[in-house]
C-alpha cells in the first residue's frame, strides 16, 4: 500500500506543478506583453507603408492609443 500511496502523491505533485506552472507562465507573459507591446511605432509605420498609406505622426499616435486602450479594456474585462 505504501508504494501505491507514493505513486499517487507523485502524480498529484506532478499535476499540481504543471497547473501552477501554466498559470505562473501565463501571468508572466501577460505582464511582459503589457510592458513591451509586440508592435511599436516603427513597425506600425512600416505596415502602413506596405499597405500603400502615407503614415503621418497623428495617424500613428492615434492607432497606438487605440491599441493601448483596447489592451486596457481587455484587461478590465478579464477581472
Protein backbone atom coordinates (compact mmCIF):
# COMPACT_ATOMS: atom_id res chain seq x y z
CA UNK A 1 0.00 0.00 0.00
CA UNK A 2 2.91 2.37 0.66
CA UNK A 3 4.07 2.09 -2.94
CA UNK A 4 0.60 2.90 -4.27
CA UNK A 5 0.36 5.93 -1.96
CA UNK A 6 3.78 7.13 -3.07
CA UNK A 7 2.85 6.84 -6.75
CA UNK A 8 -0.42 8.69 -6.12
CA UNK A 9 1.40 11.51 -4.31
CA UNK A 10 3.97 11.79 -7.11
CA UNK A 11 1.22 12.02 -9.73
CA UNK A 12 -0.68 14.64 -7.70
CA UNK A 13 2.51 16.69 -7.24
CA UNK A 14 3.23 16.48 -10.97
CA UNK A 15 -0.28 17.61 -11.92
CA UNK A 16 -0.18 20.40 -9.33
CA UNK A 17 3.20 21.57 -10.62
CA UNK A 18 2.00 21.59 -14.22
CA UNK A 19 -1.14 23.55 -13.39
CA UNK A 20 0.74 26.01 -11.19
CA UNK A 21 3.50 26.43 -13.77
CA UNK A 22 0.97 27.11 -16.50
CA UNK A 23 -0.74 29.91 -14.58
CA UNK A 24 2.55 31.46 -13.44
CA UNK A 25 3.89 31.44 -17.01
CA UNK A 26 0.61 32.89 -18.31
CA UNK A 27 0.70 35.74 -15.78
CA UNK A 28 4.37 36.45 -16.60
CA UNK A 29 3.70 36.63 -20.34
CA UNK A 30 0.67 38.88 -19.90
CA UNK A 31 2.73 41.29 -17.80
CA UNK A 32 5.61 41.13 -20.28
CA UNK A 33 3.40 41.95 -23.28
CA UNK A 34 1.74 44.77 -21.37
CA UNK A 35 5.13 46.37 -20.63
CA UNK A 36 6.66 45.52 -24.03
CA UNK A 37 3.96 45.52 -26.69
CA UNK A 38 4.82 43.45 -29.75
CA UNK A 39 4.01 46.37 -32.10
CA UNK A 40 5.74 49.72 -31.78
CA UNK A 41 5.58 52.94 -33.79
CA UNK A 42 8.24 51.89 -36.30
CA UNK A 43 6.54 48.58 -37.05
CA UNK A 44 3.20 50.35 -37.42
CA UNK A 45 4.77 52.87 -39.80
CA UNK A 46 6.26 50.09 -41.93
CA UNK A 47 2.92 48.24 -42.08
CA UNK A 48 1.15 51.40 -43.24
CA UNK A 49 3.76 51.98 -45.94
CA UNK A 50 3.38 48.37 -47.12
CA UNK A 51 -0.39 48.85 -47.32
CA UNK A 52 0.11 51.90 -49.52
CA UNK A 53 -0.81 54.52 -46.94
CA UNK A 54 1.28 57.55 -46.12
CA UNK A 55 1.80 57.44 -42.36
CA UNK A 56 1.54 60.73 -40.51
CA UNK A 57 2.55 61.11 -36.87
CA UNK A 58 -1.03 61.96 -35.97
CA UNK A 59 -2.32 58.71 -37.52
CA UNK A 60 0.38 56.62 -35.87
CA UNK A 61 -0.22 58.16 -32.44
CA UNK A 62 -3.96 57.66 -32.85
CA UNK A 63 -3.54 53.99 -33.76
CA UNK A 64 -1.12 53.39 -30.87
CA UNK A 65 -3.50 54.99 -28.38
CA UNK A 66 -6.37 52.85 -29.73
CA UNK A 67 -4.28 49.70 -29.32
CA UNK A 68 -3.36 50.65 -25.74
CA UNK A 69 -6.97 51.40 -24.83
CA UNK A 70 -8.06 48.06 -26.29
CA UNK A 71 -5.45 46.30 -24.16
CA UNK A 72 -6.68 48.09 -21.04
CA UNK A 73 -10.32 47.26 -21.84
CA UNK A 74 -9.44 43.61 -22.42
CA UNK A 75 -7.59 43.53 -19.10
CA UNK A 76 -10.57 45.05 -17.27
CA UNK A 77 -12.98 42.52 -18.80
CA UNK A 78 -10.86 39.59 -17.60
CA UNK A 79 -11.02 40.75 -13.99
